[in-house]
Each structure stands twice: as C-alpha cells, then as structure tokens.
PDB file of N, CA and C in Angstrom:
ATOM      1  N   MET A   1     -27.973  -9.710  33.000  1.00  0.00           N
ATOM      2  CA  MET A   1     -28.162  -9.324  31.634  1.00  0.00           C
ATOM      3  C   MET A   1     -26.870  -9.320  30.836  1.00  0.00           C
ATOM      4  N   SER A   2     -25.761  -9.049  31.503  1.00  0.00           N
ATOM      5  CA  SER A   2     -24.500  -9.060  30.777  1.00  0.00           C
ATOM      6  C   SER A   2     -23.807 -10.400  30.999  1.00  0.00           C
ATOM      7  N   ALA A   3     -23.069 -10.799  30.011  1.00  0.00           N
ATOM      8  CA  ALA A   3     -22.336 -12.061  30.102  1.00  0.00           C
ATOM      9  C   ALA A   3     -21.215 -11.916  31.120  1.00  0.00           C
ATOM     10  N   LYS A   4     -20.963 -12.990  31.842  1.00  0.00           N
ATOM     11  CA  LYS A   4     -19.878 -12.951  32.818  1.00  0.00           C
ATOM     12  C   LYS A   4     -18.545 -12.871  32.099  1.00  0.00           C
ATOM     13  N   LYS A   5     -17.730 -11.963  32.545  1.00  0.00           N
ATOM     14  CA  LYS A   5     -16.405 -11.811  31.949  1.00  0.00           C
ATOM     15  C   LYS A   5     -15.426 -12.628  32.764  1.00  0.00           C
ATOM     16  N   THR A   6     -14.737 -13.515  32.100  1.00  0.00           N
ATOM     17  CA  THR A   6     -13.723 -14.313  32.778  1.00  0.00           C
ATOM     18  C   THR A   6     -12.418 -13.534  32.800  1.00  0.00           C
ATOM     19  N   PRO A   7     -11.666 -13.653  33.855  1.00  0.00           N
ATOM     20  CA  PRO A   7     -10.388 -12.929  33.906  1.00  0.00           C
ATOM     21  C   PRO A   7      -9.423 -13.477  32.864  1.00  0.00           C
ATOM     22  N   VAL A   8      -8.644 -12.572  32.309  1.00  0.00           N
ATOM     23  CA  VAL A   8      -7.639 -12.962  31.333  1.00  0.00           C
ATOM     24  C   VAL A   8      -6.449 -13.527  32.098  1.00  0.00           C
ATOM     25  N   PHE A   9      -6.079 -14.741  31.765  1.00  0.00           N
ATOM     26  CA  PHE A   9      -4.968 -15.391  32.441  1.00  0.00           C
ATOM     27  C   PHE A   9      -3.852 -15.625  31.447  1.00  0.00           C
ATOM     28  N   VAL A  10      -2.679 -15.168  31.788  1.00  0.00           N
ATOM     29  CA  VAL A  10      -1.501 -15.402  30.972  1.00  0.00           C
ATOM     30  C   VAL A  10      -0.539 -16.219  31.818  1.00  0.00           C
ATOM     31  N   GLN A  11       0.042 -17.223  31.224  1.00  0.00           N
ATOM     32  CA  GLN A  11       0.979 -18.049  31.971  1.00  0.00           C
ATOM     33  C   GLN A  11       2.131 -17.195  32.492  1.00  0.00           C
ATOM     34  N   ARG A  12       2.637 -17.588  33.635  1.00  0.00           N
ATOM     35  CA  ARG A  12       3.700 -16.819  34.285  1.00  0.00           C
ATOM     36  C   ARG A  12       4.937 -16.724  33.405  1.00  0.00           C
ATOM     37  N   ARG A  13       5.295 -17.798  32.729  1.00  0.00           N
ATOM     38  CA  ARG A  13       6.476 -17.807  31.862  1.00  0.00           C
ATOM     39  C   ARG A  13       6.295 -16.839  30.696  1.00  0.00           C
ATOM     40  N   THR A  14       5.121 -16.850  30.105  1.00  0.00           N
ATOM     41  CA  THR A  14       4.850 -15.953  28.981  1.00  0.00           C
ATOM     42  C   THR A  14       4.884 -14.501  29.432  1.00  0.00           C
ATOM     43  N   TYR A  15       4.300 -14.242  30.598  1.00  0.00           N
ATOM     44  CA  TYR A  15       4.287 -12.879  31.132  1.00  0.00           C
ATOM     45  C   TYR A  15       5.709 -12.372  31.384  1.00  0.00           C
ATOM     46  N   ARG A  16       6.531 -13.206  32.015  1.00  0.00           N
ATOM     47  CA  ARG A  16       7.915 -12.805  32.290  1.00  0.00           C
ATOM     48  C   ARG A  16       8.686 -12.556  31.009  1.00  0.00           C
ATOM     49  N   ARG A  17       8.500 -13.428  30.020  1.00  0.00           N
ATOM     50  CA  ARG A  17       9.217 -13.272  28.754  1.00  0.00           C
ATOM     51  C   ARG A  17       8.829 -11.968  28.067  1.00  0.00           C
ATOM     52  N   ARG A  18       7.554 -11.643  28.111  1.00  0.00           N
ATOM     53  CA  ARG A  18       7.115 -10.389  27.495  1.00  0.00           C
ATOM     54  C   ARG A  18       7.703  -9.189  28.214  1.00  0.00           C
ATOM     55  N   ARG A  19       7.768  -9.239  29.540  1.00  0.00           N
ATOM     56  CA  ARG A  19       8.342  -8.119  30.289  1.00  0.00           C
ATOM     57  C   ARG A  19       9.837  -7.987  30.013  1.00  0.00           C
ATOM     58  N   VAL A  20      10.537  -9.106  29.878  1.00  0.00           N
ATOM     59  CA  VAL A  20      11.974  -9.049  29.563  1.00  0.00           C
ATOM     60  C   VAL A  20      12.167  -8.487  28.155  1.00  0.00           C
ATOM     61  N   ALA A  21      11.314  -8.896  27.228  1.00  0.00           N
ATOM     62  CA  ALA A  21      11.403  -8.357  25.866  1.00  0.00           C
ATOM     63  C   ALA A  21      11.117  -6.859  25.864  1.00  0.00           C
ATOM     64  N   ASP A  22      10.163  -6.417  26.672  1.00  0.00           N
ATOM     65  CA  ASP A  22       9.898  -4.974  26.792  1.00  0.00           C
ATOM     66  C   ASP A  22      11.114  -4.246  27.362  1.00  0.00           C
ATOM     67  N   GLY A  23      11.761  -4.854  28.338  1.00  0.00           N
ATOM     68  CA  GLY A  23      12.968  -4.252  28.899  1.00  0.00           C
ATOM     69  C   GLY A  23      14.080  -4.160  27.875  1.00  0.00           C
ATOM     70  N   ALA A  24      14.205  -5.186  27.038  1.00  0.00           N
ATOM     71  CA  ALA A  24      15.227  -5.157  25.992  1.00  0.00           C
ATOM     72  C   ALA A  24      14.932  -4.066  24.970  1.00  0.00           C
ATOM     73  N   ARG A  25      13.661  -3.822  24.713  1.00  0.00           N
ATOM     74  CA  ARG A  25      13.305  -2.753  23.774  1.00  0.00           C
ATOM     75  C   ARG A  25      13.581  -1.369  24.361  1.00  0.00           C
ATOM     76  N   LEU A  26      13.441  -1.234  25.672  1.00  0.00           N
ATOM     77  CA  LEU A  26      13.665   0.060  26.315  1.00  0.00           C
ATOM     78  C   LEU A  26      15.123   0.317  26.667  1.00  0.00           C
ATOM     79  N   LEU A  27      15.961  -0.687  26.554  1.00  0.00           N
ATOM     80  CA  LEU A  27      17.370  -0.544  26.919  1.00  0.00           C
ATOM     81  C   LEU A  27      18.085   0.564  26.130  1.00  0.00           C
ATOM     82  N   PRO A  28      17.881   0.714  24.823  1.00  0.00           N
ATOM     83  CA  PRO A  28      18.540   1.826  24.107  1.00  0.00           C
ATOM     84  C   PRO A  28      18.087   3.196  24.596  1.00  0.00           C
ATOM     85  N   VAL A  29      16.814   3.329  24.954  1.00  0.00           N
ATOM     86  CA  VAL A  29      16.323   4.611  25.467  1.00  0.00           C
ATOM     87  C   VAL A  29      16.977   4.909  26.821  1.00  0.00           C
ATOM     88  N   PHE A  30      17.022   3.904  27.689  1.00  0.00           N
ATOM     89  CA  PHE A  30      17.664   4.044  28.988  1.00  0.00           C
ATOM     90  C   PHE A  30      19.142   4.407  28.815  1.00  0.00           C
ATOM     91  N   GLY A  31      19.817   3.756  27.888  1.00  0.00           N
ATOM     92  CA  GLY A  31      21.219   4.049  27.626  1.00  0.00           C
ATOM     93  C   GLY A  31      21.422   5.458  27.108  1.00  0.00           C
ATOM     94  N   GLY A  32      20.538   5.893  26.232  1.00  0.00           N
ATOM     95  CA  GLY A  32      20.636   7.260  25.718  1.00  0.00           C
ATOM     96  C   GLY A  32      20.498   8.299  26.813  1.00  0.00           C
ATOM     97  N   ILE A  33      19.577   8.049  27.732  1.00  0.00           N
ATOM     98  CA  ILE A  33      19.402   8.976  28.857  1.00  0.00           C
ATOM     99  C   ILE A  33      20.651   8.980  29.736  1.00  0.00           C
ATOM    100  N   LEU A  34      21.208   7.796  29.995  1.00  0.00           N
ATOM    101  CA  LEU A  34      22.422   7.738  30.810  1.00  0.00           C
ATOM    102  C   LEU A  34      23.603   8.436  30.135  1.00  0.00           C
ATOM    103  N   PHE A  35      23.690   8.337  28.796  1.00  0.00           N
ATOM    104  CA  PHE A  35      24.780   9.009  28.080  1.00  0.00           C
ATOM    105  C   PHE A  35      24.617  10.527  28.090  1.00  0.00           C
ATOM    106  N   LEU A  36      23.400  11.019  28.250  1.00  0.00           N
ATOM    107  CA  LEU A  36      23.174  12.462  28.250  1.00  0.00           C
ATOM    108  C   LEU A  36      23.353  13.094  29.632  1.00  0.00           C
ATOM    109  N   ILE A  37      23.445  12.300  30.669  1.00  0.00           N
ATOM    110  CA  ILE A  37      23.569  12.835  32.030  1.00  0.00           C
ATOM    111  C   ILE A  37      24.778  13.762  32.198  1.00  0.00           C
ATOM    112  N   PRO A  38      25.958  13.462  31.616  1.00  0.00           N
ATOM    113  CA  PRO A  38      27.081  14.408  31.795  1.00  0.00           C
ATOM    114  C   PRO A  38      26.789  15.810  31.267  1.00  0.00           C
ATOM    115  N   LEU A  39      25.853  15.963  30.361  1.00  0.00           N
ATOM    116  CA  LEU A  39      25.505  17.298  29.884  1.00  0.00           C
ATOM    117  C   LEU A  39      24.826  18.113  30.976  1.00  0.00           C
ATOM    118  N   LEU A  40      24.194  17.435  31.929  1.00  0.00           N
ATOM    119  CA  LEU A  40      23.521  18.137  33.016  1.00  0.00           C
ATOM    120  C   LEU A  40      24.473  18.548  34.127  1.00  0.00           C
ATOM    121  N   TRP A  41      25.691  18.043  34.115  1.00  0.00           N
ATOM    122  CA  TRP A  41      26.646  18.347  35.174  1.00  0.00           C
ATOM    123  C   TRP A  41      27.134  19.782  35.128  1.00  0.00           C
ATOM    124  N   GLY A  42      26.916  20.454  34.035  1.00  0.00           N
ATOM    125  CA  GLY A  42      27.314  21.851  33.946  1.00  0.00           C
ATOM    126  C   GLY A  42      28.723  22.007  33.418  1.00  0.00           C
ATOM    127  N   GLY A  43      29.088  23.260  33.205  1.00  0.00           N
ATOM    128  CA  GLY A  43      30.404  23.567  32.655  1.00  0.00           C
ATOM    129  C   GLY A  43      31.478  23.612  33.724  1.00  0.00           C
ATOM    130  N   GLU A  44      32.663  23.972  33.287  1.00  0.00           N
ATOM    131  CA  GLU A  44      33.802  24.091  34.194  1.00  0.00           C
ATOM    132  C   GLU A  44      33.556  25.262  35.151  1.00  0.00           C
ATOM    133  N   PRO A  45      33.801  25.063  36.437  1.00  0.00           N
ATOM    134  CA  PRO A  45      33.641  26.180  37.367  1.00  0.00           C
ATOM    135  C   PRO A  45      34.756  27.214  37.166  1.00  0.00           C
ATOM    136  N   ALA A  46      34.422  28.454  37.384  1.00  0.00           N
ATOM    137  CA  ALA A  46      35.413  29.516  37.259  1.00  0.00           C
ATOM    138  C   ALA A  46      35.999  29.809  38.635  1.00  0.00           C
ATOM    139  N   GLY A  47      37.206  30.250  38.651  1.00  0.00           N
ATOM    140  CA  GLY A  47      37.821  30.624  39.905  1.00  0.00           C
ATOM    141  C   GLY A  47      38.870  29.622  40.354  1.00  0.00           C
ATOM    142  N   PRO A  48      39.230  29.693  41.624  1.00  0.00           N
ATOM    143  CA  PRO A  48      40.321  28.851  42.128  1.00  0.00           C
ATOM    144  C   PRO A  48      39.966  27.364  42.172  1.00  0.00           C
ATOM    145  N   GLU A  49      38.656  27.015  42.192  1.00  0.00           N
ATOM    146  CA  GLU A  49      38.289  25.600  42.247  1.00  0.00           C
ATOM    147  C   GLU A  49      38.286  24.937  40.872  1.00  0.00           C
ATOM    148  N   ALA A  50      38.601  25.669  39.826  1.00  0.00           N
ATOM    149  CA  ALA A  50      38.645  25.095  38.475  1.00  0.00           C
ATOM    150  C   ALA A  50      39.819  24.112  38.359  1.00  0.00           C
ATOM    151  N   ALA A  51      39.579  23.024  37.643  1.00  0.00           N
ATOM    152  CA  ALA A  51      40.625  22.005  37.463  1.00  0.00           C
ATOM    153  C   ALA A  51      41.248  22.193  36.080  1.00  0.00           C
ATOM    154  N   PRO A  52      42.426  22.800  36.002  1.00  0.00           N
ATOM    155  CA  PRO A  52      43.028  23.071  34.698  1.00  0.00           C
ATOM    156  C   PRO A  52      43.632  21.826  34.048  1.00  0.00           C
ATOM    157  N   ASP A  53      43.770  20.740  34.792  1.00  0.00           N
ATOM    158  CA  ASP A  53      44.435  19.567  34.233  1.00  0.00           C
ATOM    159  C   ASP A  53      43.491  18.648  33.456  1.00  0.00           C
ATOM    160  N   GLY A  54      42.230  18.976  33.336  1.00  0.00           N
ATOM    161  CA  GLY A  54      41.296  18.157  32.566  1.00  0.00           C
ATOM    162  C   GLY A  54      40.753  16.964  33.339  1.00  0.00           C
ATOM    163  N   SER A  55      40.778  17.042  34.663  1.00  0.00           N
ATOM    164  CA  SER A  55      40.296  15.903  35.451  1.00  0.00           C
ATOM    165  C   SER A  55      38.801  15.685  35.264  1.00  0.00           C
ATOM    166  N   ARG A  56      38.050  16.752  34.971  1.00  0.00           N
ATOM    167  CA  ARG A  56      36.612  16.596  34.726  1.00  0.00           C
ATOM    168  C   ARG A  56      36.384  15.746  33.489  1.00  0.00           C
ATOM    169  N   THR A  57      37.166  15.972  32.457  1.00  0.00           N
ATOM    170  CA  THR A  57      37.043  15.171  31.243  1.00  0.00           C
ATOM    171  C   THR A  57      37.342  13.708  31.519  1.00  0.00           C
ATOM    172  N   ALA A  58      38.316  13.458  32.359  1.00  0.00           N
ATOM    173  CA  ALA A  58      38.641  12.078  32.714  1.00  0.00           C
ATOM    174  C   ALA A  58      37.474  11.419  33.443  1.00  0.00           C
ATOM    175  N   TRP A  59      36.820  12.161  34.357  1.00  0.00           N
ATOM    176  CA  TRP A  59      35.679  11.601  35.071  1.00  0.00           C
ATOM    177  C   TRP A  59      34.519  11.314  34.122  1.00  0.00           C
ATOM    178  N   VAL A  60      34.277  12.230  33.193  1.00  0.00           N
ATOM    179  CA  VAL A  60      33.186  12.035  32.232  1.00  0.00           C
ATOM    180  C   VAL A  60      33.479  10.824  31.349  1.00  0.00           C
ATOM    181  N   MET A  61      34.702  10.689  30.873  1.00  0.00           N
ATOM    182  CA  MET A  61      35.044   9.544  30.025  1.00  0.00           C
ATOM    183  C   MET A  61      34.945   8.233  30.796  1.00  0.00           C
ATOM    184  N   THR A  62      35.356   8.252  32.073  1.00  0.00           N
ATOM    185  CA  THR A  62      35.225   7.058  32.912  1.00  0.00           C
ATOM    186  C   THR A  62      33.757   6.698  33.097  1.00  0.00           C
ATOM    187  N   TYR A  63      32.936   7.705  33.351  1.00  0.00           N
ATOM    188  CA  TYR A  63      31.496   7.487  33.504  1.00  0.00           C
ATOM    189  C   TYR A  63      30.904   6.882  32.229  1.00  0.00           C
ATOM    190  N   LEU A  64      31.245   7.458  31.087  1.00  0.00           N
ATOM    191  CA  LEU A  64      30.700   6.962  29.820  1.00  0.00           C
ATOM    192  C   LEU A  64      31.143   5.524  29.549  1.00  0.00           C
ATOM    193  N   PHE A  65      32.389   5.203  29.857  1.00  0.00           N
ATOM    194  CA  PHE A  65      32.858   3.839  29.657  1.00  0.00           C
ATOM    195  C   PHE A  65      32.107   2.878  30.570  1.00  0.00           C
ATOM    196  N   LEU A  66      31.912   3.253  31.829  1.00  0.00           N
ATOM    197  CA  LEU A  66      31.194   2.377  32.756  1.00  0.00           C
ATOM    198  C   LEU A  66      29.741   2.183  32.342  1.00  0.00           C
ATOM    199  N   VAL A  67      29.097   3.248  31.851  1.00  0.00           N
ATOM    200  CA  VAL A  67      27.723   3.118  31.364  1.00  0.00           C
ATOM    201  C   VAL A  67      27.690   2.197  30.159  1.00  0.00           C
ATOM    202  N   TRP A  68      28.613   2.387  29.231  1.00  0.00           N
ATOM    203  CA  TRP A  68      28.670   1.534  28.040  1.00  0.00           C
ATOM    204  C   TRP A  68      28.880   0.073  28.437  1.00  0.00           C
ATOM    205  N   PHE A  69      29.806  -0.179  29.349  1.00  0.00           N
ATOM    206  CA  PHE A  69      30.084  -1.539  29.784  1.00  0.00           C
ATOM    207  C   PHE A  69      28.867  -2.144  30.491  1.00  0.00           C
ATOM    208  N   GLY A  70      28.228  -1.363  31.343  1.00  0.00           N
ATOM    209  CA  GLY A  70      27.029  -1.835  32.035  1.00  0.00           C
ATOM    210  C   GLY A  70      25.900  -2.165  31.075  1.00  0.00           C
ATOM    211  N   LEU A  71      25.707  -1.339  30.059  1.00  0.00           N
ATOM    212  CA  LEU A  71      24.667  -1.614  29.067  1.00  0.00           C
ATOM    213  C   LEU A  71      24.984  -2.878  28.271  1.00  0.00           C
ATOM    214  N   ALA A  72      26.254  -3.088  27.960  1.00  0.00           N
ATOM    215  CA  ALA A  72      26.638  -4.296  27.228  1.00  0.00           C
ATOM    216  C   ALA A  72      26.384  -5.547  28.063  1.00  0.00           C
ATOM    217  N   VAL A  73      26.727  -5.492  29.337  1.00  0.00           N
ATOM    218  CA  VAL A  73      26.494  -6.641  30.222  1.00  0.00           C
ATOM    219  C   VAL A  73      24.996  -6.888  30.381  1.00  0.00           C
ATOM    220  N   LEU A  74      24.237  -5.823  30.608  1.00  0.00           N
ATOM    221  CA  LEU A  74      22.794  -5.966  30.790  1.00  0.00           C
ATOM    222  C   LEU A  74      22.113  -6.512  29.542  1.00  0.00           C
ATOM    223  N   SER A  75      22.525  -6.051  28.368  1.00  0.00           N
ATOM    224  CA  SER A  75      21.930  -6.570  27.139  1.00  0.00           C
ATOM    225  C   SER A  75      22.311  -8.036  26.927  1.00  0.00           C
ATOM    226  N   GLY A  76      23.511  -8.424  27.317  1.00  0.00           N
ATOM    227  CA  GLY A  76      23.898  -9.832  27.226  1.00  0.00           C
ATOM    228  C   GLY A  76      23.067 -10.716  28.137  1.00  0.00           C
ATOM    229  N   VAL A  77      22.807 -10.235  29.345  1.00  0.00           N
ATOM    230  CA  VAL A  77      21.979 -10.999  30.283  1.00  0.00           C
ATOM    231  C   VAL A  77      20.557 -11.126  29.751  1.00  0.00           C
ATOM    232  N   LEU A  78      20.004 -10.036  29.246  1.00  0.00           N
ATOM    233  CA  LEU A  78      18.648 -10.089  28.691  1.00  0.00           C
ATOM    234  C   LEU A  78      18.577 -11.018  27.481  1.00  0.00           C
ATOM    235  N   ALA A  79      19.587 -10.952  26.625  1.00  0.00           N
ATOM    236  CA  ALA A  79      19.593 -11.815  25.440  1.00  0.00           C
ATOM    237  C   ALA A  79      19.693 -13.277  25.837  1.00  0.00           C
ATOM    238  N   ARG A  80      20.522 -13.582  26.813  1.00  0.00           N
ATOM    239  CA  ARG A  80      20.662 -14.971  27.264  1.00  0.00           C
ATOM    240  C   ARG A  80      19.350 -15.467  27.864  1.00  0.00           C
ATOM    241  N   PHE A  81      18.677 -14.619  28.625  1.00  0.00           N
ATOM    242  CA  PHE A  81      17.406 -15.002  29.218  1.00  0.00           C
ATOM    243  C   PHE A  81      16.358 -15.260  28.141  1.00  0.00           C
ATOM    244  N   LEU A  82      16.323 -14.396  27.122  1.00  0.00           N
ATOM    245  CA  LEU A  82      15.338 -14.572  26.052  1.00  0.00           C
ATOM    246  C   LEU A  82      15.624 -15.823  25.227  1.00  0.00           C
ATOM    247  N   VAL A  83      16.893 -16.118  24.959  1.00  0.00           N
ATOM    248  CA  VAL A  83      17.247 -17.314  24.197  1.00  0.00           C
ATOM    249  C   VAL A  83      16.905 -18.560  25.000  1.00  0.00           C
ATOM    250  N   ALA A  84      17.171 -18.549  26.298  1.00  0.00           N
ATOM    251  CA  ALA A  84      16.847 -19.700  27.140  1.00  0.00           C
ATOM    252  C   ALA A  84      15.349 -19.947  27.153  1.00  0.00           C
ATOM    253  N   GLU A  85      14.553 -18.900  27.169  1.00  0.00           N
ATOM    254  CA  GLU A  85      13.105 -19.059  27.128  1.00  0.00           C
ATOM    255  C   GLU A  85      12.656 -19.618  25.785  1.00  0.00           C
ATOM    256  N   ASP A  86      13.281 -19.175  24.693  1.00  0.00           N
ATOM    257  CA  ASP A  86      12.927 -19.702  23.375  1.00  0.00           C
ATOM    258  C   ASP A  86      13.242 -21.183  23.278  1.00  0.00           C
ATOM    259  N   GLU A  87      14.387 -21.593  23.802  1.00  0.00           N
ATOM    260  CA  GLU A  87      14.756 -23.019  23.757  1.00  0.00           C
ATOM    261  C   GLU A  87      13.797 -23.843  24.599  1.00  0.00           C
ATOM    262  N   GLY A  88      13.338 -23.297  25.725  1.00  0.00           N
ATOM    263  CA  GLY A  88      12.385 -23.992  26.570  1.00  0.00           C
ATOM    264  C   GLY A  88      11.043 -24.183  25.875  1.00  0.00           C
ATOM    265  N   ASN A  89      10.621 -23.185  25.085  1.00  0.00           N
ATOM    266  CA  ASN A  89       9.361 -23.291  24.354  1.00  0.00           C
ATOM    267  C   ASN A  89       9.443 -24.319  23.238  1.00  0.00           C
ATOM    268  N   GLU A  90      10.603 -24.437  22.590  1.00  0.00           N
ATOM    269  CA  GLU A  90      10.770 -25.422  21.515  1.00  0.00           C
ATOM    270  C   GLU A  90      10.709 -26.830  22.067  1.00  0.00           C
ATOM    271  N   GLU A  91      11.302 -27.062  23.232  1.00  0.00           N
ATOM    272  CA  GLU A  91      11.289 -28.396  23.818  1.00  0.00           C
ATOM    273  C   GLU A  91       9.877 -28.797  24.212  1.00  0.00           C
ATOM    274  N   GLU A  92       9.079 -27.862  24.696  1.00  0.00           N
ATOM    275  CA  GLU A  92       7.701 -28.176  25.067  1.00  0.00           C
ATOM    276  C   GLU A  92       6.862 -28.478  23.845  1.00  0.00           C
ATOM    277  N   GLY A  93       7.150 -27.843  22.712  1.00  0.00           N
ATOM    278  CA  GLY A  93       6.380 -28.044  21.499  1.00  0.00           C
ATOM    279  C   GLY A  93       6.644 -29.410  20.860  1.00  0.00           C
ATOM    280  N   GLU A  94       7.797 -30.034  21.128  1.00  0.00           N
ATOM    281  CA  GLU A  94       8.142 -31.310  20.514  1.00  0.00           C
ATOM    282  C   GLU A  94       7.402 -32.473  21.150  1.00  0.00           C
ATOM    283  N   SER A  95       6.918 -32.360  22.383  1.00  0.00           N
ATOM    284  CA  SER A  95       6.285 -33.483  23.066  1.00  0.00           C
ATOM    285  C   SER A  95       4.988 -33.874  22.448  1.00  0.00           C
TER     286      SER A  95
END
C-alpha cells in the first residue's frame, strides 16, 4: 500500500566536502573551547609549592600560542581541501 522508498544516495565526494565544510564551521567553537581551558586550571597554589617567578603564566602563554598556531594550520588545511574540491567540480562541469 505504501510506495517503496528508495535510499538517499549522496556521492562520496559531495559527502566528504560537506563534512569538511561542517568541520570548518565548527573550528571557531573548538578554538574558543581550547582557549578557555586555562581558566579551568585553577589559581596559583598557596604555600611552598607556589611559583613566585611567574612560570605558570609562561606555561599558559605557551599553551595559548600553540593552540593558536594549531588552529591556523588546521584552518589552512581545511581551506586548501575545500578549494581543491571546488576546482575539481569546475573541471567536471566543463566537459
């Protein structure tokens, strides 16, 4: 009585491109969460184990720089992948 439903098929290339685009959209959210992680590390410990020379600040700044650098590299890789896919689609359309 009901019509047969055919499975929805999406080409593998299109599916991958959409997932990469979704990842590129979520990258700022992921970066924001990574930048907020040092806030969870807590304050300076009191007592003899406290580091008066500011070494904790140095570790936090190093962490933030590495996260920033990693996000820049990851966004470059995603952008290159998306551009390569766009160029591939244009070449197929010309035939």
